[in-house]
């Protein structure tokens, strides 16, 4: 089994379990069978105070962090979502980060990252709620939400 096949199987299984968890709690939400769909289920669960299986938030976060890195290739900004992921993205015309602490950093918690990606939260609201950013290229307003 290839890495892509294993990831797809993990995603499919997580989607089924997240949907079942929400349905059992009386929350009826549908989502596309994708990484963004899984994030939407996690956000819906949080909104309705439904505890998801413990592996779903990390999986959704890692998948969307990978999606972010692929959509914005480069190394001008490091996006940190501790403890689940950290990716470097190309945003703006800044210097290419090669080692040490990068000049532009964005750090957020996993749920806020998923809310940004799904459009449940705007960049401005995320900053007001505690997303930390530093550096001239760290304003990722045009990156979110994911399409």
N, C-alpha and C. Protein backbone atom coordinates (compact mmCIF):
# COMPACT_ATOMS: atom_id res chain seq x y z
N UNK A 1 0.85 -1.17 0.00
CA UNK A 1 0.00 0.00 0.00
C UNK A 1 0.90 1.24 0.00
N UNK A 2 0.59 2.17 -0.87
CA UNK A 2 1.39 3.40 -0.97
C UNK A 2 1.02 4.35 0.17
N UNK A 3 1.83 5.36 0.36
CA UNK A 3 1.56 6.36 1.38
C UNK A 3 0.25 7.08 1.07
N UNK A 4 0.04 7.42 -0.18
CA UNK A 4 -1.20 8.10 -0.58
C UNK A 4 -2.43 7.22 -0.31
N UNK A 5 -2.31 5.93 -0.59
CA UNK A 5 -3.43 5.01 -0.32
C UNK A 5 -3.70 4.89 1.18
N UNK A 6 -2.63 4.84 1.96
CA UNK A 6 -2.79 4.73 3.42
C UNK A 6 -3.44 6.00 3.98
N UNK A 7 -3.01 7.16 3.48
CA UNK A 7 -3.62 8.42 3.94
C UNK A 7 -5.09 8.49 3.55
N UNK A 8 -5.40 8.03 2.34
CA UNK A 8 -6.80 8.06 1.90
C UNK A 8 -7.65 7.15 2.77
N UNK A 9 -7.11 5.99 3.12
CA UNK A 9 -7.85 5.07 3.98
C UNK A 9 -8.06 5.68 5.37
N UNK A 10 -7.01 6.32 5.90
CA UNK A 10 -7.14 6.99 7.20
C UNK A 10 -8.22 8.07 7.14
N UNK A 11 -8.19 8.85 6.08
CA UNK A 11 -9.17 9.91 5.92
C UNK A 11 -10.58 9.34 5.82
N UNK A 12 -10.77 8.33 5.01
CA UNK A 12 -12.09 7.73 4.85
C UNK A 12 -12.62 7.17 6.17
N UNK A 13 -11.76 6.49 6.91
CA UNK A 13 -12.17 5.92 8.20
C UNK A 13 -12.50 7.03 9.19
N UNK A 14 -11.71 8.09 9.20
CA UNK A 14 -11.96 9.20 10.11
C UNK A 14 -13.28 9.91 9.77
N UNK A 15 -13.55 10.06 8.49
CA UNK A 15 -14.81 10.67 8.07
C UNK A 15 -16.00 9.87 8.58
N UNK A 16 -15.93 8.55 8.43
CA UNK A 16 -17.02 7.69 8.88
C UNK A 16 -17.21 7.80 10.39
N UNK A 17 -16.09 7.75 11.14
CA UNK A 17 -16.19 7.82 12.60
C UNK A 17 -16.67 9.19 13.08
N UNK A 18 -16.20 10.26 12.45
CA UNK A 18 -16.63 11.60 12.84
C UNK A 18 -18.12 11.78 12.56
N UNK A 19 -18.54 11.33 11.39
CA UNK A 19 -19.96 11.44 11.04
C UNK A 19 -20.82 10.64 12.01
N UNK A 20 -20.37 9.43 12.35
CA UNK A 20 -21.12 8.58 13.28
C UNK A 20 -21.19 9.21 14.67
N UNK A 21 -20.11 9.82 15.09
CA UNK A 21 -20.08 10.48 16.40
C UNK A 21 -21.08 11.63 16.45
N UNK A 22 -21.10 12.43 15.41
CA UNK A 22 -22.04 13.55 15.35
C UNK A 22 -23.48 13.06 15.28
N UNK A 23 -23.73 12.06 14.46
CA UNK A 23 -25.09 11.52 14.32
C UNK A 23 -25.58 10.94 15.64
N UNK A 24 -24.72 10.22 16.35
CA UNK A 24 -25.09 9.64 17.65
C UNK A 24 -25.44 10.72 18.66
N UNK A 25 -24.85 11.89 18.51
CA UNK A 25 -25.13 13.01 19.41
C UNK A 25 -26.31 13.85 18.93
N UNK A 26 -26.93 13.44 17.84
CA UNK A 26 -28.09 14.17 17.32
C UNK A 26 -27.74 15.37 16.46
N UNK A 27 -26.48 15.43 16.02
CA UNK A 27 -26.05 16.54 15.16
C UNK A 27 -26.00 16.00 13.73
N UNK A 28 -26.77 16.62 12.86
CA UNK A 28 -26.84 16.16 11.47
C UNK A 28 -26.14 17.15 10.55
N UNK A 29 -24.91 16.80 10.21
CA UNK A 29 -24.08 17.61 9.33
C UNK A 29 -23.52 16.69 8.27
N UNK A 30 -23.51 17.16 7.05
CA UNK A 30 -22.88 16.37 6.00
C UNK A 30 -21.64 17.11 5.52
N UNK A 31 -20.69 16.35 5.03
CA UNK A 31 -19.44 16.94 4.55
C UNK A 31 -18.94 16.15 3.36
N UNK A 32 -18.23 16.84 2.50
CA UNK A 32 -17.60 16.20 1.35
C UNK A 32 -16.54 15.21 1.84
N UNK A 33 -16.33 14.13 1.11
CA UNK A 33 -15.30 13.17 1.51
C UNK A 33 -13.90 13.68 1.17
N UNK A 34 -13.42 14.61 1.99
CA UNK A 34 -12.12 15.23 1.76
C UNK A 34 -11.52 15.69 3.09
N UNK A 35 -10.28 16.14 3.04
CA UNK A 35 -9.65 16.67 4.24
C UNK A 35 -10.41 17.88 4.77
N UNK A 36 -10.90 18.72 3.87
CA UNK A 36 -11.68 19.88 4.28
C UNK A 36 -13.03 19.46 4.86
N UNK A 37 -13.60 18.40 4.31
CA UNK A 37 -14.84 17.86 4.85
C UNK A 37 -14.65 17.35 6.27
N UNK A 38 -13.54 16.67 6.53
CA UNK A 38 -13.24 16.19 7.88
C UNK A 38 -13.10 17.38 8.83
N UNK A 39 -12.42 18.42 8.39
CA UNK A 39 -12.28 19.62 9.22
C UNK A 39 -13.64 20.23 9.54
N UNK A 40 -14.53 20.25 8.57
CA UNK A 40 -15.87 20.80 8.81
C UNK A 40 -16.62 19.98 9.85
N UNK A 41 -16.44 18.67 9.85
CA UNK A 41 -17.07 17.83 10.86
C UNK A 41 -16.50 18.11 12.25
N UNK A 42 -15.19 18.29 12.33
CA UNK A 42 -14.55 18.60 13.61
C UNK A 42 -15.06 19.94 14.14
N UNK A 43 -15.14 20.94 13.27
CA UNK A 43 -15.62 22.26 13.67
C UNK A 43 -17.08 22.17 14.13
N UNK A 44 -17.89 21.41 13.41
CA UNK A 44 -19.30 21.23 13.80
C UNK A 44 -19.39 20.55 15.16
N UNK A 45 -18.56 19.56 15.39
CA UNK A 45 -18.54 18.88 16.68
C UNK A 45 -18.18 19.83 17.81
N UNK A 46 -17.19 20.66 17.58
CA UNK A 46 -16.78 21.64 18.60
C UNK A 46 -17.91 22.63 18.87
N UNK A 47 -18.53 23.11 17.82
CA UNK A 47 -19.63 24.07 17.96
C UNK A 47 -20.77 23.49 18.78
N UNK A 48 -21.02 22.19 18.61
CA UNK A 48 -22.13 21.53 19.30
C UNK A 48 -21.68 20.82 20.58
N UNK A 49 -20.43 21.02 20.98
CA UNK A 49 -19.85 20.41 22.20
C UNK A 49 -19.90 18.88 22.16
N UNK A 50 -19.60 18.33 21.00
CA UNK A 50 -19.55 16.88 20.83
C UNK A 50 -18.08 16.46 20.80
N UNK A 51 -17.71 15.58 21.70
CA UNK A 51 -16.32 15.11 21.76
C UNK A 51 -16.06 14.12 20.63
N UNK A 52 -15.10 14.44 19.79
CA UNK A 52 -14.71 13.57 18.69
C UNK A 52 -13.69 12.55 19.18
N UNK A 53 -13.56 11.43 18.47
CA UNK A 53 -12.47 10.50 18.80
C UNK A 53 -11.14 11.25 18.79
N UNK A 54 -10.25 10.88 19.69
CA UNK A 54 -9.03 11.66 19.94
C UNK A 54 -8.08 11.76 18.76
N UNK A 55 -8.15 10.86 17.81
CA UNK A 55 -7.21 10.91 16.69
C UNK A 55 -7.69 11.77 15.52
N UNK A 56 -8.91 12.25 15.57
CA UNK A 56 -9.47 12.96 14.41
C UNK A 56 -8.94 14.39 14.30
N UNK A 57 -8.85 15.13 15.39
CA UNK A 57 -8.32 16.49 15.33
C UNK A 57 -6.87 16.50 14.82
N UNK A 58 -5.99 15.66 15.34
CA UNK A 58 -4.62 15.65 14.80
C UNK A 58 -4.57 15.29 13.31
N UNK A 59 -5.36 14.31 12.89
CA UNK A 59 -5.36 13.91 11.49
C UNK A 59 -5.85 15.05 10.60
N UNK A 60 -6.96 15.66 10.96
CA UNK A 60 -7.49 16.77 10.16
C UNK A 60 -6.48 17.92 10.09
N UNK A 61 -5.82 18.20 11.19
CA UNK A 61 -4.83 19.28 11.23
C UNK A 61 -3.65 18.97 10.32
N UNK A 62 -3.12 17.77 10.42
CA UNK A 62 -1.97 17.39 9.58
C UNK A 62 -2.32 17.42 8.09
N UNK A 63 -3.48 16.89 7.76
CA UNK A 63 -3.88 16.86 6.35
C UNK A 63 -4.03 18.27 5.78
N UNK A 64 -4.65 19.16 6.54
CA UNK A 64 -4.83 20.51 6.03
C UNK A 64 -3.52 21.30 6.05
N UNK A 65 -2.63 21.02 6.98
CA UNK A 65 -1.31 21.66 6.96
C UNK A 65 -0.55 21.24 5.70
N UNK A 66 -0.65 19.96 5.34
CA UNK A 66 -0.01 19.49 4.11
C UNK A 66 -0.63 20.17 2.89
N UNK A 67 -1.93 20.31 2.92
CA UNK A 67 -2.63 20.98 1.82
C UNK A 67 -2.16 22.43 1.69
N UNK A 68 -2.00 23.11 2.81
CA UNK A 68 -1.51 24.49 2.82
C UNK A 68 -0.12 24.57 2.20
N UNK A 69 0.76 23.67 2.60
CA UNK A 69 2.14 23.68 2.08
C UNK A 69 2.17 23.40 0.58
N UNK A 70 1.28 22.53 0.11
CA UNK A 70 1.25 22.22 -1.32
C UNK A 70 0.65 23.38 -2.13
N UNK A 71 -0.33 24.07 -1.56
CA UNK A 71 -0.98 25.17 -2.26
C UNK A 71 -0.10 26.42 -2.32
N UNK A 72 0.76 26.59 -1.35
CA UNK A 72 1.64 27.76 -1.25
C UNK A 72 3.08 27.29 -1.09
N UNK A 73 3.66 26.70 -2.12
CA UNK A 73 5.02 26.17 -1.98
C UNK A 73 6.05 27.27 -1.76
N UNK A 74 7.00 26.99 -0.93
CA UNK A 74 8.06 27.94 -0.64
C UNK A 74 8.45 27.90 0.82
N UNK A 75 9.27 28.86 1.21
CA UNK A 75 9.78 28.86 2.58
C UNK A 75 9.90 30.27 3.16
N UNK A 76 8.89 31.10 2.99
CA UNK A 76 8.99 32.44 3.55
C UNK A 76 8.29 32.56 4.90
N UNK A 77 7.33 31.70 5.17
CA UNK A 77 6.58 31.74 6.43
C UNK A 77 6.49 30.32 6.99
N UNK A 78 6.70 30.20 8.29
CA UNK A 78 6.47 28.91 8.94
C UNK A 78 5.14 29.00 9.68
N UNK A 79 4.25 28.07 9.40
CA UNK A 79 2.96 27.99 10.08
C UNK A 79 3.05 26.84 11.07
N UNK A 80 2.87 27.19 12.35
CA UNK A 80 2.99 26.20 13.42
C UNK A 80 1.63 25.95 14.04
N UNK A 81 1.28 24.67 14.15
CA UNK A 81 0.04 24.25 14.78
C UNK A 81 0.41 23.19 15.81
N UNK A 82 0.99 23.62 16.94
CA UNK A 82 1.47 22.64 17.92
C UNK A 82 0.32 21.91 18.59
N UNK A 83 0.49 20.66 18.93
CA UNK A 83 1.69 19.84 18.71
C UNK A 83 1.62 19.00 17.44
N UNK A 84 0.72 19.34 16.53
CA UNK A 84 0.43 18.45 15.42
C UNK A 84 1.21 18.69 14.14
N UNK A 85 1.51 19.93 13.82
CA UNK A 85 2.14 20.19 12.52
C UNK A 85 2.87 21.52 12.51
N UNK A 86 3.83 21.60 11.62
CA UNK A 86 4.52 22.85 11.29
C UNK A 86 4.92 22.72 9.83
N UNK A 87 4.54 23.69 9.03
CA UNK A 87 4.87 23.66 7.61
C UNK A 87 5.40 25.02 7.19
N UNK A 88 6.21 25.01 6.17
CA UNK A 88 6.70 26.25 5.60
C UNK A 88 5.96 26.51 4.29
N UNK A 89 5.58 27.76 4.10
CA UNK A 89 4.83 28.14 2.92
C UNK A 89 5.49 29.34 2.26
N UNK A 90 5.23 29.47 0.98
CA UNK A 90 5.71 30.62 0.23
C UNK A 90 4.63 31.66 0.20
N UNK A 91 4.84 32.77 0.88
CA UNK A 91 3.85 33.82 0.94
C UNK A 91 4.57 35.15 0.87
N UNK A 92 4.28 35.94 -0.13
CA UNK A 92 4.98 37.20 -0.30
C UNK A 92 6.32 36.97 -0.99
N UNK A 93 7.09 37.98 -1.06
CA UNK A 93 8.39 37.92 -1.75
C UNK A 93 9.54 37.90 -0.76
N UNK A 94 9.33 37.30 0.39
CA UNK A 94 10.33 37.31 1.43
C UNK A 94 11.49 36.36 1.18
N UNK A 95 12.46 36.40 2.08
CA UNK A 95 13.62 35.53 1.95
C UNK A 95 13.25 34.07 2.18
N UNK A 96 14.00 33.20 1.60
CA UNK A 96 13.79 31.77 1.75
C UNK A 96 14.42 31.34 3.06
N UNK A 97 13.61 30.76 3.93
CA UNK A 97 14.08 30.28 5.23
C UNK A 97 14.88 29.00 5.03
N UNK A 98 16.07 28.91 5.61
CA UNK A 98 16.89 27.71 5.45
C UNK A 98 17.20 27.00 6.75
N UNK A 99 17.35 27.73 7.85
CA UNK A 99 17.60 27.07 9.13
C UNK A 99 17.35 28.06 10.27
N UNK A 100 17.23 27.53 11.47
CA UNK A 100 16.97 28.39 12.61
C UNK A 100 15.54 28.89 12.61
N UNK A 101 15.30 29.91 13.39
CA UNK A 101 13.97 30.49 13.48
C UNK A 101 13.71 31.33 12.23
N UNK A 102 12.62 31.05 11.52
CA UNK A 102 12.33 31.80 10.30
C UNK A 102 11.93 33.24 10.63
N UNK A 103 12.10 34.15 9.67
CA UNK A 103 11.78 35.55 9.91
C UNK A 103 10.28 35.82 10.02
N UNK A 104 9.45 34.98 9.43
CA UNK A 104 7.99 35.15 9.51
C UNK A 104 7.37 33.87 10.03
N UNK A 105 6.59 33.99 11.10
CA UNK A 105 5.99 32.83 11.75
C UNK A 105 4.54 33.13 12.08
N UNK A 106 3.69 32.11 11.90
CA UNK A 106 2.31 32.15 12.35
C UNK A 106 2.12 30.94 13.26
N UNK A 107 1.53 31.15 14.43
CA UNK A 107 1.29 30.04 15.33
C UNK A 107 -0.14 30.09 15.84
N UNK A 108 -0.79 28.95 15.80
CA UNK A 108 -2.18 28.86 16.23
C UNK A 108 -2.46 27.47 16.77
N UNK A 109 -3.56 27.34 17.47
CA UNK A 109 -3.99 26.01 17.92
C UNK A 109 -4.71 25.31 16.78
N UNK A 110 -4.88 24.02 16.93
CA UNK A 110 -5.43 23.20 15.85
C UNK A 110 -6.87 23.59 15.49
N UNK A 111 -7.72 23.79 16.47
CA UNK A 111 -9.11 24.10 16.17
C UNK A 111 -9.23 25.44 15.44
N UNK A 112 -8.47 26.42 15.84
CA UNK A 112 -8.50 27.71 15.15
C UNK A 112 -8.03 27.55 13.72
N UNK A 113 -6.99 26.76 13.51
CA UNK A 113 -6.50 26.49 12.15
C UNK A 113 -7.60 25.86 11.30
N UNK A 114 -8.31 24.88 11.84
CA UNK A 114 -9.40 24.23 11.10
C UNK A 114 -10.54 25.22 10.83
N UNK A 115 -10.83 26.06 11.80
CA UNK A 115 -11.88 27.06 11.60
C UNK A 115 -11.49 28.06 10.51
N UNK A 116 -10.23 28.46 10.47
CA UNK A 116 -9.75 29.33 9.41
C UNK A 116 -9.86 28.65 8.05
N UNK A 117 -9.41 27.42 7.98
CA UNK A 117 -9.41 26.68 6.72
C UNK A 117 -10.81 26.48 6.16
N UNK A 118 -11.78 26.27 7.04
CA UNK A 118 -13.15 26.00 6.59
C UNK A 118 -13.96 27.27 6.36
N UNK A 119 -13.43 28.42 6.77
CA UNK A 119 -14.17 29.65 6.63
C UNK A 119 -15.08 29.95 7.80
N UNK A 120 -14.99 29.18 8.86
CA UNK A 120 -15.79 29.39 10.05
C UNK A 120 -15.27 30.58 10.87
N UNK A 121 -14.05 31.03 10.56
CA UNK A 121 -13.42 32.12 11.28
C UNK A 121 -12.62 32.95 10.29
N UNK A 122 -12.71 34.26 10.38
CA UNK A 122 -11.92 35.11 9.50
C UNK A 122 -10.53 35.31 10.09
N UNK A 123 -9.61 35.73 9.24
CA UNK A 123 -8.24 35.98 9.69
C UNK A 123 -8.22 37.07 10.77
N UNK A 124 -8.98 38.13 10.55
CA UNK A 124 -9.02 39.23 11.53
C UNK A 124 -9.53 38.74 12.88
N UNK A 125 -10.58 37.93 12.86
CA UNK A 125 -11.12 37.38 14.11
C UNK A 125 -10.13 36.43 14.77
N UNK A 126 -9.43 35.66 13.96
CA UNK A 126 -8.43 34.73 14.50
C UNK A 126 -7.31 35.49 15.21
N UNK A 127 -6.89 36.60 14.63
CA UNK A 127 -5.86 37.42 15.28
C UNK A 127 -6.37 37.96 16.60
N UNK A 128 -7.63 38.38 16.62
CA UNK A 128 -8.22 38.90 17.85
C UNK A 128 -8.36 37.81 18.91
N UNK A 129 -8.49 36.56 18.47
CA UNK A 129 -8.65 35.44 19.40
C UNK A 129 -7.32 34.82 19.81
N UNK A 130 -6.22 35.35 19.34
CA UNK A 130 -4.94 34.88 19.84
C UNK A 130 -3.99 34.22 18.87
N UNK A 131 -4.29 34.19 17.58
CA UNK A 131 -3.31 33.69 16.61
C UNK A 131 -2.12 34.63 16.68
N UNK A 132 -0.94 34.06 16.80
CA UNK A 132 0.27 34.86 16.89
C UNK A 132 0.97 34.89 15.54
N UNK A 133 1.42 36.06 15.15
CA UNK A 133 2.16 36.17 13.91
C UNK A 133 3.28 37.17 14.09
N UNK A 134 4.37 36.92 13.39
CA UNK A 134 5.49 37.84 13.41
C UNK A 134 6.14 37.82 12.03
N UNK A 135 6.68 38.94 11.65
CA UNK A 135 7.33 39.03 10.35
C UNK A 135 6.43 39.70 9.33
N UNK A 136 7.06 40.30 8.35
CA UNK A 136 6.32 41.08 7.35
C UNK A 136 5.47 40.24 6.41
N UNK A 137 5.76 38.96 6.30
CA UNK A 137 5.02 38.10 5.36
C UNK A 137 4.03 37.17 6.06
N UNK A 138 3.81 37.40 7.35
CA UNK A 138 2.98 36.48 8.14
C UNK A 138 1.49 36.78 8.06
N UNK A 139 1.08 37.83 7.38
CA UNK A 139 -0.35 38.13 7.24
C UNK A 139 -0.93 37.19 6.18
N UNK A 140 -1.62 36.16 6.63
CA UNK A 140 -2.14 35.12 5.72
C UNK A 140 -3.62 35.30 5.40
N UNK A 141 -4.10 36.52 5.45
CA UNK A 141 -5.50 36.79 5.18
C UNK A 141 -5.95 36.24 3.83
N UNK A 142 -5.10 36.32 2.81
CA UNK A 142 -5.47 35.85 1.48
C UNK A 142 -5.34 34.34 1.32
N UNK A 143 -4.86 33.65 2.32
CA UNK A 143 -4.69 32.19 2.27
C UNK A 143 -5.95 31.45 2.70
N UNK A 144 -6.69 32.04 3.62
CA UNK A 144 -7.86 31.40 4.21
C UNK A 144 -9.13 32.06 3.71
N UNK A 145 -10.24 31.34 3.60
CA UNK A 145 -10.39 29.90 3.79
C UNK A 145 -9.89 29.11 2.57
N UNK A 146 -9.72 27.82 2.77
CA UNK A 146 -9.30 26.95 1.67
C UNK A 146 -10.48 26.75 0.74
N UNK A 147 -10.19 26.60 -0.54
CA UNK A 147 -11.25 26.40 -1.52
C UNK A 147 -11.58 24.97 -1.77
